[in-house]
Amino acid sequence: MTKPIGVVLAGAGAFGVKHLDGIRNIDGVEVVSLVGREQAKTEEVAKKYGIGHVTTNLAESLARDDVDAAILCTPTQLHAAQAIECLKAGKHVQVEIPLADSLNAAEAVVALQKETGLVAMCGHTRRFNPSHQFLHRRIAAGELAVQQMDVQTYFFRRTNTNALGQPRSWTDHLLWHHAAHTVDLFAYQAGGTIVAAHALQGPIHPQLGIAMDMSIQLKSGTGAICTLSLSFNNDGPLGTVFRYICDNGTYVARYDDLYDGRENRIDVSQVDVSMNGIELQDREFFAAIREGREPNASVAQVLPCYRTLAQLERQLEQAR
């Protein structure tokens, strides 16, 4: 019998729980350690999911012999440093999006992955949602070509709160987190590198110190274009909607669900073994470990996204 992959999950908040729910459905994987900022709250989550070891210290978990891999669902500002810590400890690592909040940090993770040969993957979930997978397969088969992507990423987040509306210790970012999803997906679906990128941002929030509204335009070497609107000021439905305008049809993706341009639902239930993008992302991580191969959304594959984000950041800083 194949030995289960032992996992430490760091970050027992809203997104960490999404991973725990997904991993429950994956054979041959066991979460053996849970890391959180607050011991008592982390113990509550560990009890619910039957996890035997709880700590507030990632290094303690990485020192365990039964830990083969780590999944990092910690604050953005910790991602690159903790990914490097995991690789130096000899553990495979999946770090939630974004890989880093600077290009230099992202490049450091990629360099260390190449040196160690370990699996290092970033949680660019849109590559795995059945809706986007369905379209990617049609694009790869030559049945579709993207002409334009129109994307709206809207939240109402004027305080430091997580996806469950609970207070958190860090500040989110429209560019380095939420735009990363679309910048990577656009290049992935259009099939070329991004050759032009422009950004505008609204006023800086006096307490949070970030722009609450942002507009980004991208162009691929294939000729396809993308318009991305982002806001933390939207008092309405939350989340991201992707409109694909193609040479052969229009499609609207809302996370795992897909519709045509007239809002008729498209059945994507047979695209993969699950309709849960997070679970499918985790399945790819563990399959890559077992098969000794590079995963889809490896840190090397997504690095061009962070080069584009750095370019956009320089534009925004110069315009302030």
C-alpha atoms as a PDB file:
ATOM      1  CA  MET A   1       0.000   0.000   0.000  1.00  0.00           C
ATOM      2  CA  THR A   2       1.332   3.439  -0.948  1.00  0.00           C
ATOM      3  CA  LYS A   3       2.229   5.616   2.030  1.00  0.00           C
ATOM      4  CA  PRO A   4      -0.135   8.613   2.410  1.00  0.00           C
ATOM      5  CA  ILE A   5       1.277  12.048   1.673  1.00  0.00           C
ATOM      6  CA  GLY A   6       1.536  13.821   5.019  1.00  0.00           C
ATOM      7  CA  VAL A   7       0.537  17.475   4.829  1.00  0.00           C
ATOM      8  CA  VAL A   8       0.873  20.510   7.049  1.00  0.00           C
ATOM      9  CA  LEU A   9      -1.687  23.197   6.318  1.00  0.00           C
ATOM     10  CA  ALA A  10      -0.729  26.668   7.501  1.00  0.00           C
ATOM     11  CA  GLY A  11      -3.531  29.181   7.857  1.00  0.00           C
ATOM     12  CA  ALA A  12      -6.683  27.845   9.485  1.00  0.00           C
ATOM     13  CA  GLY A  13      -8.927  30.679   8.283  1.00  0.00           C
ATOM     14  CA  ALA A  14     -11.620  30.839   5.624  1.00  0.00           C
ATOM     15  CA  PHE A  15      -9.453  29.665   2.733  1.00  0.00           C
ATOM     16  CA  GLY A  16      -7.588  27.057   4.747  1.00  0.00           C
ATOM     17  CA  VAL A  17     -10.923  25.425   5.523  1.00  0.00           C
ATOM     18  CA  LYS A  18     -11.723  25.303   1.793  1.00  0.00           C
ATOM     19  CA  HIS A  19      -8.561  23.248   1.300  1.00  0.00           C
ATOM     20  CA  LEU A  20      -9.392  20.978   4.233  1.00  0.00           C
ATOM     21  CA  ASP A  21     -12.821  20.306   2.739  1.00  0.00           C
ATOM     22  CA  GLY A  22     -11.259  19.476  -0.632  1.00  0.00           C
ATOM     23  CA  ILE A  23      -8.548  17.228   0.787  1.00  0.00           C
ATOM     24  CA  ARG A  24     -11.214  15.144   2.539  1.00  0.00           C
ATOM     25  CA  ASN A  25     -12.171  13.856  -0.928  1.00  0.00           C
ATOM     26  CA  ILE A  26      -8.638  12.920  -2.012  1.00  0.00           C
ATOM     27  CA  ASP A  27      -7.327   9.408  -1.335  1.00  0.00           C
ATOM     28  CA  GLY A  28      -3.795   8.876  -0.114  1.00  0.00           C
ATOM     29  CA  VAL A  29      -3.421  12.264   1.581  1.00  0.00           C
ATOM     30  CA  GLU A  30      -3.526  13.046   5.291  1.00  0.00           C
ATOM     31  CA  VAL A  31      -3.337  16.445   6.975  1.00  0.00           C
ATOM     32  CA  VAL A  32      -1.141  15.645   9.967  1.00  0.00           C
ATOM     33  CA  SER A  33      -0.468  19.164  11.232  1.00  0.00           C
ATOM     34  CA  LEU A  34      -2.346  22.456  11.338  1.00  0.00           C
ATOM     35  CA  VAL A  35      -0.699  25.848  11.853  1.00  0.00           C
ATOM     36  CA  GLY A  36      -2.644  28.927  12.893  1.00  0.00           C
ATOM     37  CA  ARG A  37      -2.096  32.347  14.404  1.00  0.00           C
ATOM     38  CA  GLU A  38      -4.252  31.669  17.481  1.00  0.00           C
ATOM     39  CA  GLN A  39      -3.804  28.332  19.270  1.00  0.00           C
ATOM     40  CA  ALA A  40      -7.352  27.984  20.606  1.00  0.00           C
ATOM     41  CA  LYS A  41      -9.083  28.761  17.298  1.00  0.00           C
ATOM     42  CA  THR A  42      -6.694  26.490  15.425  1.00  0.00           C
ATOM     43  CA  GLU A  43      -7.426  23.654  17.857  1.00  0.00           C
ATOM     44  CA  GLU A  44     -11.139  24.059  17.144  1.00  0.00           C
ATOM     45  CA  VAL A  45     -10.580  23.617  13.413  1.00  0.00           C
ATOM     46  CA  ALA A  46      -8.186  20.692  13.983  1.00  0.00           C
ATOM     47  CA  LYS A  47     -10.748  18.919  16.128  1.00  0.00           C
ATOM     48  CA  LYS A  48     -13.416  19.281  13.447  1.00  0.00           C
ATOM     49  CA  TYR A  49     -11.134  17.759  10.786  1.00  0.00           C
ATOM     50  CA  GLY A  50      -9.418  15.151  12.961  1.00  0.00           C
ATOM     51  CA  ILE A  51      -5.943  16.692  12.759  1.00  0.00           C
ATOM     52  CA  GLY A  52      -3.659  15.463  15.529  1.00  0.00           C
ATOM     53  CA  HIS A  53      -0.999  18.182  15.718  1.00  0.00           C
ATOM     54  CA  VAL A  54      -1.637  21.903  16.218  1.00  0.00           C
ATOM     55  CA  THR A  55       0.885  24.724  16.519  1.00  0.00           C
ATOM     56  CA  THR A  56       1.379  28.428  15.907  1.00  0.00           C
ATOM     57  CA  ASN A  57       4.923  27.779  14.609  1.00  0.00           C
ATOM     58  CA  LEU A  58       5.374  26.599  11.014  1.00  0.00           C
ATOM     59  CA  ALA A  59       8.976  25.526  11.682  1.00  0.00           C
ATOM     60  CA  GLU A  60       7.729  23.063  14.301  1.00  0.00           C
ATOM     61  CA  SER A  61       5.520  21.361  11.716  1.00  0.00           C
ATOM     62  CA  LEU A  62       8.196  21.352   9.022  1.00  0.00           C
ATOM     63  CA  ALA A  63      10.535  19.517  11.419  1.00  0.00           C
ATOM     64  CA  ARG A  64       8.124  16.572  11.661  1.00  0.00           C
ATOM     65  CA  ASP A  65       9.098  13.355   9.864  1.00  0.00           C
ATOM     66  CA  ASP A  66       5.486  12.672   8.847  1.00  0.00           C
ATOM     67  CA  VAL A  67       5.198  15.950   6.922  1.00  0.00           C
ATOM     68  CA  ASP A  68       5.979  15.579   3.206  1.00  0.00           C
ATOM     69  CA  ALA A  69       4.287  18.692   1.866  1.00  0.00           C
ATOM     70  CA  ALA A  70       2.886  22.038   2.935  1.00  0.00           C
ATOM     71  CA  ILE A  71      -0.095  24.107   1.826  1.00  0.00           C
ATOM     72  CA  LEU A  72       0.195  27.780   2.750  1.00  0.00           C
ATOM     73  CA  CYS A  73      -3.034  29.752   3.257  1.00  0.00           C
ATOM     74  CA  THR A  74      -1.375  32.466   5.297  1.00  0.00           C
ATOM     75  CA  PRO A  75      -1.360  36.275   4.785  1.00  0.00           C
ATOM     76  CA  THR A  76      -0.057  37.435   1.415  1.00  0.00           C
ATOM     77  CA  GLN A  77       2.936  39.168   2.966  1.00  0.00           C
ATOM     78  CA  LEU A  78       4.217  35.814   4.306  1.00  0.00           C
ATOM     79  CA  HIS A  79       3.802  33.693   1.181  1.00  0.00           C
ATOM     80  CA  ALA A  80       7.235  33.932  -0.430  1.00  0.00           C
ATOM     81  CA  ALA A  81       9.240  33.699   2.806  1.00  0.00           C
ATOM     82  CA  GLN A  82       7.237  30.712   4.020  1.00  0.00           C
ATOM     83  CA  ALA A  83       7.441  28.960   0.631  1.00  0.00           C
ATOM     84  CA  ILE A  84      11.216  29.342   0.809  1.00  0.00           C
ATOM     85  CA  GLU A  85      11.175  28.030   4.388  1.00  0.00           C
ATOM     86  CA  CYS A  86       9.262  24.926   3.246  1.00  0.00           C
ATOM     87  CA  LEU A  87      11.607  24.226   0.328  1.00  0.00           C
ATOM     88  CA  LYS A  88      14.673  24.651   2.541  1.00  0.00           C
ATOM     89  CA  ALA A  89      13.122  22.115   4.935  1.00  0.00           C
ATOM     90  CA  GLY A  90      12.863  19.628   2.049  1.00  0.00           C
ATOM     91  CA  LYS A  91       9.060  19.818   1.752  1.00  0.00           C
ATOM     92  CA  HIS A  92       6.973  20.162  -1.369  1.00  0.00           C
ATOM     93  CA  VAL A  93       4.867  23.325  -1.180  1.00  0.00           C
ATOM     94  CA  GLN A  94       1.684  24.776  -2.563  1.00  0.00           C
ATOM     95  CA  VAL A  95       1.323  28.453  -1.729  1.00  0.00           C
ATOM     96  CA  GLU A  96      -2.017  30.132  -2.149  1.00  0.00           C
ATOM     97  CA  ILE A  97      -2.293  32.993  -4.606  1.00  0.00           C
ATOM     98  CA  PRO A  98      -0.407  35.290  -4.758  1.00  0.00           C
ATOM     99  CA  LEU A  99       3.025  33.690  -4.850  1.00  0.00           C
ATOM    100  CA  ALA A 100       4.521  36.938  -3.530  1.00  0.00           C
ATOM    101  CA  ASP A 101       3.848  40.647  -3.215  1.00  0.00           C
ATOM    102  CA  SER A 102       6.986  41.627  -5.138  1.00  0.00           C
ATOM    103  CA  LEU A 103       8.751  40.334  -8.242  1.00  0.00           C
ATOM    104  CA  ASN A 104      12.061  39.835  -6.444  1.00  0.00           C
ATOM    105  CA  ALA A 105      10.409  37.565  -3.862  1.00  0.00           C
ATOM    106  CA  ALA A 106       8.602  35.563  -6.555  1.00  0.00           C
ATOM    107  CA  GLU A 107      11.854  35.084  -8.472  1.00  0.00           C
ATOM    108  CA  ALA A 108      13.581  33.893  -5.288  1.00  0.00           C
ATOM    109  CA  VAL A 109      10.979  31.150  -4.812  1.00  0.00           C
ATOM    110  CA  VAL A 110      11.340  30.005  -8.423  1.00  0.00           C
ATOM    111  CA  ALA A 111      15.140  29.933  -8.165  1.00  0.00           C
ATOM    112  CA  LEU A 112      15.031  27.800  -5.018  1.00  0.00           C
ATOM    113  CA  GLN A 113      12.507  25.400  -6.539  1.00  0.00           C
ATOM    114  CA  LYS A 114      14.854  24.834  -9.477  1.00  0.00           C
ATOM    115  CA  GLU A 115      17.725  24.235  -7.060  1.00  0.00           C
ATOM    116  CA  THR A 116      15.848  21.727  -4.887  1.00  0.00           C
ATOM    117  CA  GLY A 117      13.794  19.977  -7.578  1.00  0.00           C
ATOM    118  CA  LEU A 118      10.829  19.827  -5.199  1.00  0.00           C
ATOM    119  CA  VAL A 119       7.249  20.422  -6.337  1.00  0.00           C
ATOM    120  CA  ALA A 120       6.334  24.071  -5.817  1.00  0.00           C
ATOM    121  CA  MET A 121       2.950  25.250  -7.019  1.00  0.00           C
ATOM    122  CA  CYS A 122       0.869  28.396  -6.654  1.00  0.00           C
ATOM    123  CA  GLY A 123      -2.883  28.398  -6.111  1.00  0.00           C
ATOM    124  CA  HIS A 124      -3.976  29.989  -9.382  1.00  0.00           C
ATOM    125  CA  THR A 125      -7.370  28.356  -8.987  1.00  0.00           C
ATOM    126  CA  ARG A 126      -8.889  29.693 -12.197  1.00  0.00           C
ATOM    127  CA  ARG A 127      -6.758  27.220 -14.171  1.00  0.00           C
ATOM    128  CA  PHE A 128      -8.642  24.436 -12.366  1.00  0.00           C
ATOM    129  CA  ASN A 129     -12.254  25.636 -12.150  1.00  0.00           C
ATOM    130  CA  PRO A 130     -14.320  23.339 -14.432  1.00  0.00           C
ATOM    131  CA  SER A 131     -15.739  26.400 -16.210  1.00  0.00           C
ATOM    132  CA  HIS A 132     -12.308  27.645 -17.290  1.00  0.00           C
ATOM    133  CA  GLN A 133     -11.044  24.111 -17.918  1.00  0.00           C
ATOM    134  CA  PHE A 134     -13.947  23.535 -20.339  1.00  0.00           C
ATOM    135  CA  LEU A 135     -12.970  26.606 -22.335  1.00  0.00           C
ATOM    136  CA  HIS A 136      -9.227  25.860 -22.161  1.00  0.00           C
ATOM    137  CA  ARG A 137      -9.769  22.445 -23.735  1.00  0.00           C
ATOM    138  CA  ARG A 138     -11.818  23.950 -26.566  1.00  0.00           C
ATOM    139  CA  ILE A 139      -9.147  26.607 -27.115  1.00  0.00           C
ATOM    140  CA  ALA A 140      -6.375  23.973 -27.134  1.00  0.00           C
ATOM    141  CA  ALA A 141      -8.379  21.924 -29.660  1.00  0.00           C
ATOM    142  CA  GLY A 142      -8.625  24.933 -31.996  1.00  0.00           C
ATOM    143  CA  GLU A 143     -12.393  25.235 -31.548  1.00  0.00           C
ATOM    144  CA  LEU A 144     -12.228  28.680 -29.916  1.00  0.00           C
ATOM    145  CA  ALA A 145      -9.927  31.668 -29.877  1.00  0.00           C
ATOM    146  CA  VAL A 146     -10.240  34.433 -27.299  1.00  0.00           C
ATOM    147  CA  GLN A 147     -10.801  37.882 -28.791  1.00  0.00           C
ATOM    148  CA  GLN A 148     -11.499  39.700 -25.544  1.00  0.00           C
ATOM    149  CA  MET A 149     -11.924  38.922 -21.864  1.00  0.00           C
ATOM    150  CA  ASP A 150     -14.002  41.323 -19.787  1.00  0.00           C
ATOM    151  CA  VAL A 151     -13.577  40.676 -16.065  1.00  0.00           C
ATOM    152  CA  GLN A 152     -15.173  42.231 -12.984  1.00  0.00           C
ATOM    153  CA  THR A 153     -13.720  41.486  -9.532  1.00  0.00           C
ATOM    154  CA  TYR A 154     -15.904  43.175  -6.948  1.00  0.00           C
ATOM    155  CA  PHE A 155     -15.980  43.079  -3.142  1.00  0.00           C
ATOM    156  CA  PHE A 156     -17.199  45.320  -0.334  1.00  0.00           C
ATOM    157  CA  ARG A 157     -14.135  45.326   1.889  1.00  0.00           C
ATOM    158  CA  ARG A 158     -13.399  48.640   3.610  1.00  0.00           C
ATOM    159  CA  THR A 159     -11.933  46.938   6.673  1.00  0.00           C
ATOM    160  CA  ASN A 160      -9.522  44.022   7.155  1.00  0.00           C
ATOM    161  CA  THR A 161     -11.976  41.130   6.949  1.00  0.00           C
ATOM    162  CA  ASN A 162     -11.784  37.675   5.383  1.00  0.00           C
ATOM    163  CA  ALA A 163     -14.179  35.875   3.030  1.00  0.00           C
ATOM    164  CA  LEU A 164     -16.416  35.025   5.993  1.00  0.00           C
ATOM    165  CA  GLY A 165     -16.573  38.638   7.166  1.00  0.00           C
ATOM    166  CA  GLN A 166     -14.296  37.932  10.121  1.00  0.00           C
ATOM    167  CA  PRO A 167     -11.543  40.379  11.172  1.00  0.00           C
ATOM    168  CA  ARG A 168      -8.002  39.523  10.115  1.00  0.00           C
ATOM    169  CA  SER A 169      -4.527  40.792  10.891  1.00  0.00           C
ATOM    170  CA  TRP A 170      -3.426  41.807   7.383  1.00  0.00           C
ATOM    171  CA  THR A 171      -4.501  43.967   4.459  1.00  0.00           C
ATOM    172  CA  ASP A 172      -5.552  42.469   1.129  1.00  0.00           C
ATOM    173  CA  HIS A 173      -4.498  44.021  -2.198  1.00  0.00           C
ATOM    174  CA  LEU A 174      -6.340  44.422  -5.486  1.00  0.00           C
ATOM    175  CA  LEU A 175      -3.189  44.292  -7.648  1.00  0.00           C
ATOM    176  CA  TRP A 176      -0.962  41.654  -6.031  1.00  0.00           C
ATOM    177  CA  HIS A 177      -3.798  39.309  -5.066  1.00  0.00           C
ATOM    178  CA  HIS A 178      -7.011  39.734  -7.011  1.00  0.00           C
ATOM    179  CA  ALA A 179      -5.552  40.945 -10.301  1.00  0.00           C
ATOM    180  CA  ALA A 180      -3.114  38.006 -10.249  1.00  0.00           C
ATOM    181  CA  HIS A 181      -6.006  35.616 -10.950  1.00  0.00           C
ATOM    182  CA  THR A 182      -6.989  37.381 -14.168  1.00  0.00           C
ATOM    183  CA  VAL A 183      -3.508  38.327 -15.402  1.00  0.00           C
ATOM    184  CA  ASP A 184      -2.430  34.675 -15.259  1.00  0.00           C
ATOM    185  CA  LEU A 185      -5.701  33.299 -16.633  1.00  0.00           C
ATOM    186  CA  PHE A 186      -5.745  35.709 -19.568  1.00  0.00           C
ATOM    187  CA  ALA A 187      -2.275  34.630 -20.707  1.00  0.00           C
ATOM    188  CA  TYR A 188      -3.179  30.972 -20.092  1.00  0.00           C
ATOM    189  CA  GLN A 189      -6.384  31.160 -22.144  1.00  0.00           C
ATOM    190  CA  ALA A 190      -5.269  33.560 -24.874  1.00  0.00           C
ATOM    191  CA  GLY A 191      -2.247  31.342 -25.502  1.00  0.00           C
ATOM    192  CA  GLY A 192       0.411  34.022 -25.707  1.00  0.00           C
ATOM    193  CA  THR A 193       2.536  36.267 -23.562  1.00  0.00           C
ATOM    194  CA  ILE A 194       1.267  39.650 -22.383  1.00  0.00           C
ATOM    195  CA  VAL A 195       2.864  42.330 -24.578  1.00  0.00           C
ATOM    196  CA  ALA A 196       1.096  45.423 -23.217  1.00  0.00           C
ATOM    197  CA  ALA A 197      -0.284  46.252 -19.769  1.00  0.00           C
ATOM    198  CA  HIS A 198      -1.756  49.478 -18.384  1.00  0.00           C
ATOM    199  CA  ALA A 199      -3.365  50.355 -15.055  1.00  0.00           C
ATOM    200  CA  LEU A 200      -5.219  53.165 -13.310  1.00  0.00           C
ATOM    201  CA  GLN A 201      -6.230  53.288  -9.656  1.00  0.00           C
ATOM    202  CA  GLY A 202      -8.610  55.324  -7.546  1.00  0.00           C
ATOM    203  CA  PRO A 203      -7.986  57.123  -4.247  1.00  0.00           C
ATOM    204  CA  ILE A 204      -5.870  55.510  -1.533  1.00  0.00           C
ATOM    205  CA  HIS A 205      -7.854  54.461   1.553  1.00  0.00           C
ATOM    206  CA  PRO A 206      -6.674  56.632   4.489  1.00  0.00           C
ATOM    207  CA  GLN A 207      -6.515  53.736   6.976  1.00  0.00           C
ATOM    208  CA  LEU A 208      -5.764  50.680   4.830  1.00  0.00           C
ATOM    209  CA  GLY A 209      -3.205  52.473   2.663  1.00  0.00           C
ATOM    210  CA  ILE A 210      -4.336  50.765  -0.574  1.00  0.00           C
ATOM    211  CA  ALA A 211      -6.339  51.739  -3.632  1.00  0.00           C
ATOM    212  CA  MET A 212      -9.929  50.562  -3.348  1.00  0.00           C
ATOM    213  CA  ASP A 213     -10.645  50.729  -7.086  1.00  0.00           C
ATOM    214  CA  MET A 214      -8.507  49.757 -10.060  1.00  0.00           C
ATOM    215  CA  SER A 215      -8.744  49.337 -13.842  1.00  0.00           C
ATOM    216  CA  ILE A 216      -6.314  47.204 -15.867  1.00  0.00           C
ATOM    217  CA  GLN A 217      -5.942  46.662 -19.609  1.00  0.00           C
ATOM    218  CA  LEU A 218      -3.884  43.839 -21.122  1.00  0.00           C
ATOM    219  CA  LYS A 219      -2.943  42.693 -24.616  1.00  0.00           C
ATOM    220  CA  SER A 220      -1.612  39.285 -25.585  1.00  0.00           C
ATOM    221  CA  GLY A 221       0.831  38.521 -28.357  1.00  0.00           C
ATOM    222  CA  THR A 222      -2.057  36.677 -30.014  1.00  0.00           C
ATOM    223  CA  GLY A 223      -3.880  40.006 -30.396  1.00  0.00           C
ATOM    224  CA  ALA A 224      -6.476  39.237 -27.702  1.00  0.00           C
ATOM    225  CA  ILE A 225      -7.262  41.977 -25.181  1.00  0.00           C
ATOM    226  CA  CYS A 226      -8.497  41.983 -21.587  1.00  0.00           C
ATOM    227  CA  THR A 227     -10.282  44.637 -19.542  1.00  0.00           C
ATOM    228  CA  LEU A 228     -10.250  44.069 -15.775  1.00  0.00           C
ATOM    229  CA  SER A 229     -12.208  46.169 -13.274  1.00  0.00           C
ATOM    230  CA  LEU A 230     -11.550  45.655  -9.540  1.00  0.00           C
ATOM    231  CA  SER A 231     -13.153  47.231  -6.480  1.00  0.00           C
ATOM    232  CA  PHE A 232     -13.343  46.901  -2.719  1.00  0.00           C
ATOM    233  CA  ASN A 233     -16.149  49.519  -2.749  1.00  0.00           C
ATOM    234  CA  ASN A 234     -18.844  47.496  -4.533  1.00  0.00           C
ATOM    235  CA  ASP A 235     -22.007  47.282  -2.417  1.00  0.00           C
ATOM    236  CA  GLY A 236     -23.594  44.384  -4.257  1.00  0.00           C
ATOM    237  CA  PRO A 237     -22.923  40.811  -5.400  1.00  0.00           C
ATOM    238  CA  LEU A 238     -19.376  39.793  -4.482  1.00  0.00           C
ATOM    239  CA  GLY A 239     -16.795  37.828  -6.454  1.00  0.00           C
ATOM    240  CA  THR A 240     -15.508  37.670 -10.016  1.00  0.00           C
ATOM    241  CA  VAL A 241     -17.305  37.289 -13.340  1.00  0.00           C
ATOM    242  CA  PHE A 242     -15.331  36.437 -16.495  1.00  0.00           C
ATOM    243  CA  ARG A 243     -16.833  37.161 -19.905  1.00  0.00           C
ATOM    244  CA  TYR A 244     -15.031  35.428 -22.776  1.00  0.00           C
ATOM    245  CA  ILE A 245     -15.774  36.993 -26.157  1.00  0.00           C
ATOM    246  CA  CYS A 246     -14.475  34.457 -28.682  1.00  0.00           C
ATOM    247  CA  ASP A 247     -14.432  33.978 -32.429  1.00  0.00           C
ATOM    248  CA  ASN A 248     -16.972  31.217 -31.946  1.00  0.00           C
ATOM    249  CA  GLY A 249     -19.339  32.188 -29.171  1.00  0.00           C
ATOM    250  CA  THR A 250     -19.450  34.149 -25.911  1.00  0.00           C
ATOM    251  CA  TYR A 251     -19.161  32.542 -22.485  1.00  0.00           C
ATOM    252  CA  VAL A 252     -19.590  33.751 -18.911  1.00  0.00           C
ATOM    253  CA  ALA A 253     -17.732  32.003 -16.081  1.00  0.00           C
ATOM    254  CA  ARG A 254     -18.664  32.439 -12.451  1.00  0.00           C
ATOM    255  CA  TYR A 255     -16.131  30.397 -10.485  1.00  0.00           C
ATOM    256  CA  ASP A 256     -16.950  26.723 -11.231  1.00  0.00           C
ATOM    257  CA  ASP A 257     -20.100  27.486 -13.261  1.00  0.00           C
ATOM    258  CA  LEU A 258     -20.311  28.379 -16.957  1.00  0.00           C
ATOM    259  CA  TYR A 259     -23.002  30.027 -19.112  1.00  0.00           C
ATOM    260  CA  ASP A 260     -23.234  31.059 -22.745  1.00  0.00           C
ATOM    261  CA  GLY A 261     -23.589  34.699 -23.755  1.00  0.00           C
ATOM    262  CA  ARG A 262     -27.371  34.508 -23.333  1.00  0.00           C
ATOM    263  CA  GLU A 263     -27.085  33.127 -19.784  1.00  0.00           C
ATOM    264  CA  ASN A 264     -27.976  29.549 -20.708  1.00  0.00           C
ATOM    265  CA  ARG A 265     -26.174  27.216 -18.312  1.00  0.00           C
ATOM    266  CA  ILE A 266     -23.540  24.896 -19.793  1.00  0.00           C
ATOM    267  CA  ASP A 267     -23.044  21.504 -18.148  1.00  0.00           C
ATOM    268  CA  VAL A 268     -19.389  21.224 -17.088  1.00  0.00           C
ATOM    269  CA  SER A 269     -19.942  18.456 -14.532  1.00  0.00           C
ATOM    270  CA  GLN A 270     -18.043  15.929 -16.662  1.00  0.00           C
ATOM    271  CA  VAL A 271     -14.963  18.096 -17.181  1.00  0.00           C
ATOM    272  CA  ASP A 272     -13.148  16.695 -14.143  1.00  0.00           C
ATOM    273  CA  VAL A 273     -13.663  14.444 -11.131  1.00  0.00           C
ATOM    274  CA  SER A 274     -15.079  17.289  -9.045  1.00  0.00           C
ATOM    275  CA  MET A 275     -16.897  20.588  -9.468  1.00  0.00           C
ATOM    276  CA  ASN A 276     -14.733  22.144  -6.747  1.00  0.00           C
ATOM    277  CA  GLY A 277     -11.844  24.182  -8.166  1.00  0.00           C
ATOM    278  CA  ILE A 278      -9.901  24.162  -4.893  1.00  0.00           C
ATOM    279  CA  GLU A 279     -10.126  20.378  -4.634  1.00  0.00           C
ATOM    280  CA  LEU A 280      -8.981  20.015  -8.251  1.00  0.00           C
ATOM    281  CA  GLN A 281      -6.059  22.341  -7.557  1.00  0.00           C
ATOM    282  CA  ASP A 282      -5.039  20.187  -4.584  1.00  0.00           C
ATOM    283  CA  ARG A 283      -5.427  16.990  -6.620  1.00  0.00           C
ATOM    284  CA  GLU A 284      -2.938  18.386  -9.155  1.00  0.00           C
ATOM    285  CA  PHE A 285      -0.455  19.229  -6.389  1.00  0.00           C
ATOM    286  CA  PHE A 286      -0.526  15.742  -4.893  1.00  0.00           C
ATOM    287  CA  ALA A 287      -0.503  14.012  -8.291  1.00  0.00           C
ATOM    288  CA  ALA A 288       2.623  15.970  -9.266  1.00  0.00           C
ATOM    289  CA  ILE A 289       4.333  14.880  -6.043  1.00  0.00           C
ATOM    290  CA  ARG A 290       3.495  11.208  -6.637  1.00  0.00           C
ATOM    291  CA  GLU A 291       4.444  11.330 -10.323  1.00  0.00           C
ATOM    292  CA  GLY A 292       7.594  13.398  -9.852  1.00  0.00           C
ATOM    293  CA  ARG A 293       6.576  16.026 -12.417  1.00  0.00           C
ATOM    294  CA  GLU A 294       5.968  19.745 -12.748  1.00  0.00           C
ATOM    295  CA  PRO A 295       2.382  20.672 -11.828  1.00  0.00           C
ATOM    296  CA  ASN A 296       0.067  22.932 -13.760  1.00  0.00           C
ATOM    297  CA  ALA A 297       0.456  26.376 -12.110  1.00  0.00           C
ATOM    298  CA  SER A 298       3.988  25.620 -10.952  1.00  0.00           C
ATOM    299  CA  VAL A 299       5.806  28.636  -9.548  1.00  0.00           C
ATOM    300  CA  ALA A 300       7.862  28.794 -12.741  1.00  0.00           C
ATOM    301  CA  GLN A 301       4.772  28.747 -14.967  1.00  0.00           C
ATOM    302  CA  VAL A 302       3.054  31.598 -13.120  1.00  0.00           C
ATOM    303  CA  LEU A 303       6.156  33.820 -12.800  1.00  0.00           C
ATOM    304  CA  PRO A 304       5.278  35.839 -15.955  1.00  0.00           C
ATOM    305  CA  CYS A 305       2.097  36.963 -14.183  1.00  0.00           C
ATOM    306  CA  TYR A 306       4.175  38.535 -11.404  1.00  0.00           C
ATOM    307  CA  ARG A 307       6.422  40.255 -13.934  1.00  0.00           C
ATOM    308  CA  THR A 308       3.303  41.907 -15.351  1.00  0.00           C
ATOM    309  CA  LEU A 309       2.061  42.873 -11.873  1.00  0.00           C
ATOM    310  CA  ALA A 310       5.436  44.488 -11.114  1.00  0.00           C
ATOM    311  CA  GLN A 311       5.223  46.449 -14.362  1.00  0.00           C
ATOM    312  CA  LEU A 312       1.721  47.653 -13.445  1.00  0.00           C
ATOM    313  CA  GLU A 313       2.859  48.594  -9.942  1.00  0.00           C
ATOM    314  CA  ARG A 314       5.622  50.789 -11.381  1.00  0.00           C
ATOM    315  CA  GLN A 315       3.068  52.552 -13.587  1.00  0.00           C
ATOM    316  CA  LEU A 316       0.780  53.228 -10.633  1.00  0.00           C
ATOM    317  CA  GLU A 317       3.608  54.525  -8.474  1.00  0.00           C
ATOM    318  CA  GLN A 318       4.773  56.894 -11.208  1.00  0.00           C
ATOM    319  CA  ALA A 319       1.227  58.221 -11.646  1.00  0.00           C
ATOM    320  CA  ARG A 320       0.713  59.031  -7.946  1.00  0.00           C
END
